[in-house]
Every structure is written in structure tokens, then in C-alpha cells.
Amino acid sequence: VTATARPIIAMAMPGHGRSFTPSGTLTLEDTADVVLRLLDVLEIPAVHLGGHSWGGKVAVAVAATAPRRVLSLVLSDPVPPQGVCPISWLTRFVVRLSFQPERRRFP
């Protein structure tokens, strides 16, 4: 997919790149909320969402928080939940998304 086919928005996560540096600690849920607020400001109802490393974990949190706003997920080397084997966690997540007739909160 090229930028001419669909608009592409690359967001720097809070505290990364040229984004704002939070005064305190942002939780995973706080960071997912930042993504959802950006979508609200840009008036984007639903997206194909991708994330790498921490961004992958945030993308999963966005999908879990607002499943109707995430049309698909592209995860590149996502950080798994603490204490979970990455392969088994990702496999269960993909299987759950693939075989659910309607999206529900994960896990």
C-alpha cells in the first residue's frame, strides 16, 4: 500500500522523536488514549493500525480499548505483556481476532 492509496500517519509516541515529553510516567492505557485522541482530533473514525516494538503493544491496547476503530493490526516485533512468551501470546491473539464473529475486548 502506498501513501497515494491511503493516507499514512506516522505518530511519534509521547517521549519519543519530536513529541512532547510527559512530566510523569505514562501507562500503556495512557499512551493508547493519546492515539485515540489523535484519531478524534483528525476526525478519523477507524484505521488500519500498525506498530513496532512498544508501538505494537500500544496498537494492541488501542484495538482492545476501541475495537470498532481498528480495522486491522500490523505488528512488527511487538512487546508482549510482561511475563508472557512472545510467540504463544501473539499466536493466541491472532487466533482470537481471526475467529471471532464480532470483536470483543482482549483478552
N, C-alpha and C. Protein backbone atom coordinates (compact mmCIF):
# COMPACT_ATOMS: atom_id res chain seq x y z
N VAL A 1 0.86 -1.18 0.00
CA VAL A 1 0.00 0.00 0.00
C VAL A 1 0.90 1.23 0.00
N THR A 2 0.58 2.15 -0.85
CA THR A 2 1.37 3.38 -0.91
C THR A 2 0.58 4.52 -0.32
N ALA A 3 1.26 5.62 -0.08
CA ALA A 3 0.60 6.79 0.50
C ALA A 3 -0.47 7.34 -0.42
N THR A 4 -0.39 7.05 -1.72
CA THR A 4 -1.42 7.54 -2.63
C THR A 4 -2.70 6.72 -2.52
N ALA A 5 -2.57 5.47 -2.07
CA ALA A 5 -3.75 4.62 -1.93
C ALA A 5 -4.54 5.00 -0.67
N ARG A 6 -3.84 5.27 0.40
CA ARG A 6 -4.46 5.66 1.67
C ARG A 6 -3.53 6.63 2.36
N PRO A 7 -4.09 7.58 3.09
CA PRO A 7 -3.20 8.46 3.86
C PRO A 7 -2.47 7.67 4.94
N ILE A 8 -1.22 7.99 5.16
CA ILE A 8 -0.43 7.33 6.19
C ILE A 8 -0.03 8.38 7.23
N ILE A 9 -0.29 8.07 8.49
CA ILE A 9 0.07 8.98 9.58
C ILE A 9 1.08 8.24 10.45
N ALA A 10 2.27 8.80 10.58
CA ALA A 10 3.30 8.22 11.45
C ALA A 10 3.38 9.09 12.70
N MET A 11 3.02 8.51 13.80
CA MET A 11 2.97 9.26 15.06
C MET A 11 4.18 8.91 15.92
N ALA A 12 4.85 9.91 16.44
CA ALA A 12 5.91 9.66 17.43
C ALA A 12 5.23 9.51 18.78
N MET A 13 5.53 8.44 19.45
CA MET A 13 4.92 8.20 20.76
C MET A 13 5.40 9.25 21.76
N PRO A 14 4.57 9.57 22.75
CA PRO A 14 4.99 10.53 23.77
C PRO A 14 6.35 10.16 24.35
N GLY A 15 7.25 11.15 24.38
CA GLY A 15 8.59 10.92 24.91
C GLY A 15 9.57 10.42 23.87
N HIS A 16 9.12 10.22 22.63
CA HIS A 16 9.98 9.74 21.55
C HIS A 16 9.98 10.75 20.41
N GLY A 17 11.04 10.73 19.62
CA GLY A 17 11.10 11.62 18.46
C GLY A 17 10.96 13.07 18.86
N ARG A 18 10.12 13.80 18.14
CA ARG A 18 9.89 15.21 18.43
C ARG A 18 8.58 15.44 19.18
N SER A 19 8.06 14.39 19.78
CA SER A 19 6.80 14.53 20.52
C SER A 19 7.07 15.17 21.88
N PHE A 20 5.97 15.45 22.59
CA PHE A 20 6.11 16.03 23.92
C PHE A 20 6.68 14.99 24.88
N THR A 21 7.36 15.46 25.89
CA THR A 21 7.87 14.59 26.94
C THR A 21 6.95 14.73 28.14
N PRO A 22 6.30 13.63 28.52
CA PRO A 22 5.36 13.72 29.65
C PRO A 22 6.09 14.06 30.95
N SER A 23 5.41 14.79 31.81
CA SER A 23 6.00 15.17 33.10
C SER A 23 6.07 13.98 34.05
N GLY A 24 5.16 13.06 33.90
CA GLY A 24 5.15 11.86 34.74
C GLY A 24 5.24 10.63 33.88
N THR A 25 4.96 9.50 34.47
CA THR A 25 5.00 8.23 33.75
C THR A 25 3.67 8.00 33.04
N LEU A 26 3.74 7.66 31.76
CA LEU A 26 2.53 7.30 31.02
C LEU A 26 2.38 5.79 31.03
N THR A 27 1.21 5.31 31.35
CA THR A 27 0.94 3.87 31.30
C THR A 27 0.63 3.48 29.87
N LEU A 28 0.53 2.19 29.65
CA LEU A 28 0.12 1.68 28.34
C LEU A 28 -1.25 2.24 27.96
N GLU A 29 -2.16 2.26 28.91
CA GLU A 29 -3.51 2.77 28.66
C GLU A 29 -3.48 4.26 28.34
N ASP A 30 -2.63 5.02 29.03
CA ASP A 30 -2.48 6.46 28.74
C ASP A 30 -2.00 6.67 27.31
N THR A 31 -1.03 5.86 26.90
CA THR A 31 -0.47 6.00 25.56
C THR A 31 -1.49 5.61 24.50
N ALA A 32 -2.26 4.56 24.75
CA ALA A 32 -3.32 4.18 23.82
C ALA A 32 -4.35 5.30 23.71
N ASP A 33 -4.63 5.96 24.83
CA ASP A 33 -5.57 7.09 24.83
C ASP A 33 -5.04 8.25 23.99
N VAL A 34 -3.73 8.48 24.01
CA VAL A 34 -3.14 9.52 23.17
C VAL A 34 -3.41 9.23 21.69
N VAL A 35 -3.26 7.96 21.31
CA VAL A 35 -3.52 7.56 19.91
C VAL A 35 -4.98 7.80 19.57
N LEU A 36 -5.88 7.39 20.46
CA LEU A 36 -7.32 7.58 20.20
C LEU A 36 -7.68 9.06 20.14
N ARG A 37 -7.07 9.88 20.98
CA ARG A 37 -7.34 11.32 20.93
C ARG A 37 -6.84 11.93 19.62
N LEU A 38 -5.69 11.44 19.12
CA LEU A 38 -5.20 11.92 17.83
C LEU A 38 -6.21 11.59 16.72
N LEU A 39 -6.75 10.37 16.76
CA LEU A 39 -7.76 9.99 15.76
C LEU A 39 -8.99 10.89 15.87
N ASP A 40 -9.37 11.23 17.10
CA ASP A 40 -10.51 12.12 17.31
C ASP A 40 -10.24 13.50 16.71
N VAL A 41 -9.05 14.05 17.01
CA VAL A 41 -8.70 15.38 16.52
C VAL A 41 -8.67 15.41 15.00
N LEU A 42 -8.16 14.33 14.39
CA LEU A 42 -8.08 14.26 12.93
C LEU A 42 -9.41 13.80 12.30
N GLU A 43 -10.40 13.53 13.16
CA GLU A 43 -11.73 13.08 12.71
C GLU A 43 -11.65 11.82 11.85
N ILE A 44 -10.87 10.85 12.33
CA ILE A 44 -10.71 9.57 11.66
C ILE A 44 -11.48 8.53 12.48
N PRO A 45 -12.57 7.98 11.92
CA PRO A 45 -13.39 7.06 12.71
C PRO A 45 -12.75 5.68 12.93
N ALA A 46 -12.00 5.19 11.93
CA ALA A 46 -11.40 3.85 12.04
C ALA A 46 -10.14 3.81 11.18
N VAL A 47 -9.19 2.97 11.61
CA VAL A 47 -7.89 2.92 10.93
C VAL A 47 -7.39 1.49 10.78
N HIS A 48 -6.46 1.33 9.84
CA HIS A 48 -5.60 0.16 9.79
C HIS A 48 -4.38 0.58 10.60
N LEU A 49 -4.14 -0.07 11.72
CA LEU A 49 -3.16 0.41 12.70
C LEU A 49 -1.95 -0.51 12.74
N GLY A 50 -0.77 0.09 12.72
CA GLY A 50 0.46 -0.68 12.80
C GLY A 50 1.35 -0.15 13.90
N GLY A 51 2.21 -1.01 14.41
CA GLY A 51 3.13 -0.57 15.44
C GLY A 51 4.32 -1.50 15.54
N HIS A 52 5.48 -0.92 15.87
CA HIS A 52 6.71 -1.68 16.04
C HIS A 52 7.15 -1.60 17.50
N SER A 53 7.56 -2.71 18.05
CA SER A 53 8.06 -2.79 19.41
C SER A 53 7.01 -2.25 20.40
N TRP A 54 7.35 -1.22 21.17
CA TRP A 54 6.39 -0.63 22.11
C TRP A 54 5.14 -0.16 21.36
N GLY A 55 5.31 0.38 20.16
CA GLY A 55 4.17 0.82 19.37
C GLY A 55 3.23 -0.33 19.03
N GLY A 56 3.78 -1.54 18.87
CA GLY A 56 2.94 -2.71 18.65
C GLY A 56 2.09 -3.03 19.86
N LYS A 57 2.68 -2.89 21.03
CA LYS A 57 1.93 -3.13 22.26
C LYS A 57 0.84 -2.07 22.42
N VAL A 58 1.18 -0.83 22.08
CA VAL A 58 0.19 0.25 22.15
C VAL A 58 -0.93 -0.01 21.13
N ALA A 59 -0.58 -0.46 19.94
CA ALA A 59 -1.60 -0.75 18.91
C ALA A 59 -2.57 -1.82 19.40
N VAL A 60 -2.05 -2.84 20.07
CA VAL A 60 -2.92 -3.89 20.63
C VAL A 60 -3.83 -3.29 21.70
N ALA A 61 -3.29 -2.40 22.53
CA ALA A 61 -4.10 -1.76 23.58
C ALA A 61 -5.19 -0.89 22.96
N VAL A 62 -4.87 -0.19 21.87
CA VAL A 62 -5.88 0.62 21.17
C VAL A 62 -6.99 -0.30 20.65
N ALA A 63 -6.60 -1.41 20.03
CA ALA A 63 -7.58 -2.36 19.49
C ALA A 63 -8.45 -2.95 20.59
N ALA A 64 -7.85 -3.22 21.75
CA ALA A 64 -8.61 -3.78 22.88
C ALA A 64 -9.55 -2.75 23.48
N THR A 65 -9.12 -1.49 23.50
CA THR A 65 -9.91 -0.42 24.10
C THR A 65 -11.04 0.03 23.19
N ALA A 66 -10.74 0.14 21.90
CA ALA A 66 -11.72 0.65 20.93
C ALA A 66 -11.73 -0.24 19.68
N PRO A 67 -12.22 -1.47 19.80
CA PRO A 67 -12.13 -2.42 18.69
C PRO A 67 -12.83 -1.97 17.40
N ARG A 68 -13.85 -1.17 17.50
CA ARG A 68 -14.56 -0.72 16.29
C ARG A 68 -13.75 0.32 15.52
N ARG A 69 -12.74 0.88 16.15
CA ARG A 69 -11.92 1.90 15.49
C ARG A 69 -10.70 1.30 14.79
N VAL A 70 -10.43 0.02 15.02
CA VAL A 70 -9.26 -0.63 14.41
C VAL A 70 -9.74 -1.66 13.39
N LEU A 71 -9.51 -1.36 12.12
CA LEU A 71 -9.94 -2.25 11.04
C LEU A 71 -9.00 -3.44 10.90
N SER A 72 -7.71 -3.20 11.13
CA SER A 72 -6.73 -4.28 11.09
C SER A 72 -5.50 -3.84 11.87
N LEU A 73 -4.70 -4.84 12.27
CA LEU A 73 -3.46 -4.58 13.00
C LEU A 73 -2.27 -5.14 12.23
N VAL A 74 -1.21 -4.35 12.16
CA VAL A 74 0.07 -4.83 11.62
C VAL A 74 1.07 -4.65 12.74
N LEU A 75 1.59 -5.77 13.24
CA LEU A 75 2.50 -5.72 14.38
C LEU A 75 3.88 -6.20 13.94
N SER A 76 4.89 -5.39 14.24
CA SER A 76 6.27 -5.74 13.92
C SER A 76 7.05 -5.83 15.23
N ASP A 77 7.41 -7.05 15.60
CA ASP A 77 8.19 -7.29 16.81
C ASP A 77 7.56 -6.61 18.03
N PRO A 78 6.26 -6.89 18.28
CA PRO A 78 5.61 -6.21 19.41
C PRO A 78 6.13 -6.71 20.75
N VAL A 79 6.08 -5.83 21.73
CA VAL A 79 6.46 -6.19 23.09
C VAL A 79 5.27 -6.94 23.70
N PRO A 80 5.48 -8.19 24.14
CA PRO A 80 4.36 -8.94 24.73
C PRO A 80 4.08 -8.45 26.15
N PRO A 81 2.92 -8.80 26.68
CA PRO A 81 2.66 -8.48 28.09
C PRO A 81 3.76 -9.08 28.97
N GLN A 82 4.06 -8.42 30.08
CA GLN A 82 5.15 -8.86 30.95
C GLN A 82 4.94 -10.29 31.42
N GLY A 83 6.00 -11.09 31.31
CA GLY A 83 5.97 -12.46 31.80
C GLY A 83 5.33 -13.45 30.84
N VAL A 84 5.04 -13.05 29.60
CA VAL A 84 4.38 -13.94 28.65
C VAL A 84 5.34 -14.27 27.52
N CYS A 85 5.35 -15.52 27.11
CA CYS A 85 6.17 -15.94 25.97
C CYS A 85 5.65 -15.24 24.71
N PRO A 86 6.51 -14.50 23.99
CA PRO A 86 6.06 -13.70 22.84
C PRO A 86 5.31 -14.51 21.78
N ILE A 87 5.81 -15.69 21.43
CA ILE A 87 5.19 -16.47 20.35
C ILE A 87 3.81 -16.96 20.77
N SER A 88 3.68 -17.53 21.95
CA SER A 88 2.38 -18.06 22.37
C SER A 88 1.37 -16.94 22.55
N TRP A 89 1.81 -15.79 23.08
CA TRP A 89 0.91 -14.64 23.26
C TRP A 89 0.40 -14.14 21.92
N LEU A 90 1.32 -13.94 20.98
CA LEU A 90 0.93 -13.41 19.67
C LEU A 90 0.04 -14.40 18.91
N THR A 91 0.37 -15.68 19.00
CA THR A 91 -0.43 -16.70 18.32
C THR A 91 -1.85 -16.70 18.86
N ARG A 92 -2.00 -16.69 20.19
CA ARG A 92 -3.35 -16.67 20.78
C ARG A 92 -4.11 -15.42 20.36
N PHE A 93 -3.41 -14.28 20.34
CA PHE A 93 -4.06 -13.02 19.98
C PHE A 93 -4.56 -13.06 18.53
N VAL A 94 -3.72 -13.52 17.61
CA VAL A 94 -4.10 -13.57 16.20
C VAL A 94 -5.24 -14.55 15.99
N VAL A 95 -5.18 -15.70 16.65
CA VAL A 95 -6.26 -16.69 16.51
C VAL A 95 -7.56 -16.11 17.04
N ARG A 96 -7.52 -15.43 18.17
CA ARG A 96 -8.74 -14.83 18.72
C ARG A 96 -9.33 -13.80 17.77
N LEU A 97 -8.49 -12.95 17.20
CA LEU A 97 -9.00 -11.93 16.27
C LEU A 97 -9.56 -12.56 15.01
N SER A 98 -8.90 -13.63 14.54
CA SER A 98 -9.27 -14.24 13.26
C SER A 98 -10.60 -14.98 13.32
N PHE A 99 -10.91 -15.57 14.46
CA PHE A 99 -12.07 -16.45 14.52
C PHE A 99 -13.24 -15.91 15.32
N GLN A 100 -13.21 -14.67 15.68
CA GLN A 100 -14.35 -14.10 16.39
C GLN A 100 -15.29 -13.46 15.39
N PRO A 101 -16.57 -13.82 15.43
CA PRO A 101 -17.51 -13.21 14.52
C PRO A 101 -17.67 -11.71 14.75
N GLU A 102 -17.49 -11.29 15.98
CA GLU A 102 -17.50 -9.86 16.27
C GLU A 102 -16.38 -9.60 17.26
N ARG A 103 -15.85 -8.41 17.20
CA ARG A 103 -14.70 -8.10 18.05
C ARG A 103 -15.14 -7.86 19.48
N ARG A 104 -14.34 -8.39 20.39
CA ARG A 104 -14.57 -8.19 21.82
C ARG A 104 -13.27 -7.75 22.45
N ARG A 105 -13.34 -7.30 23.69
CA ARG A 105 -12.15 -6.87 24.42
C ARG A 105 -11.17 -8.04 24.56
N PHE A 106 -9.89 -7.76 24.39
CA PHE A 106 -8.85 -8.78 24.52
C PHE A 106 -8.11 -8.56 25.82
N PRO A 107 -7.79 -9.55 26.55
CA PRO A 107 -8.06 -10.98 26.41
C PRO A 107 -9.38 -11.35 26.96
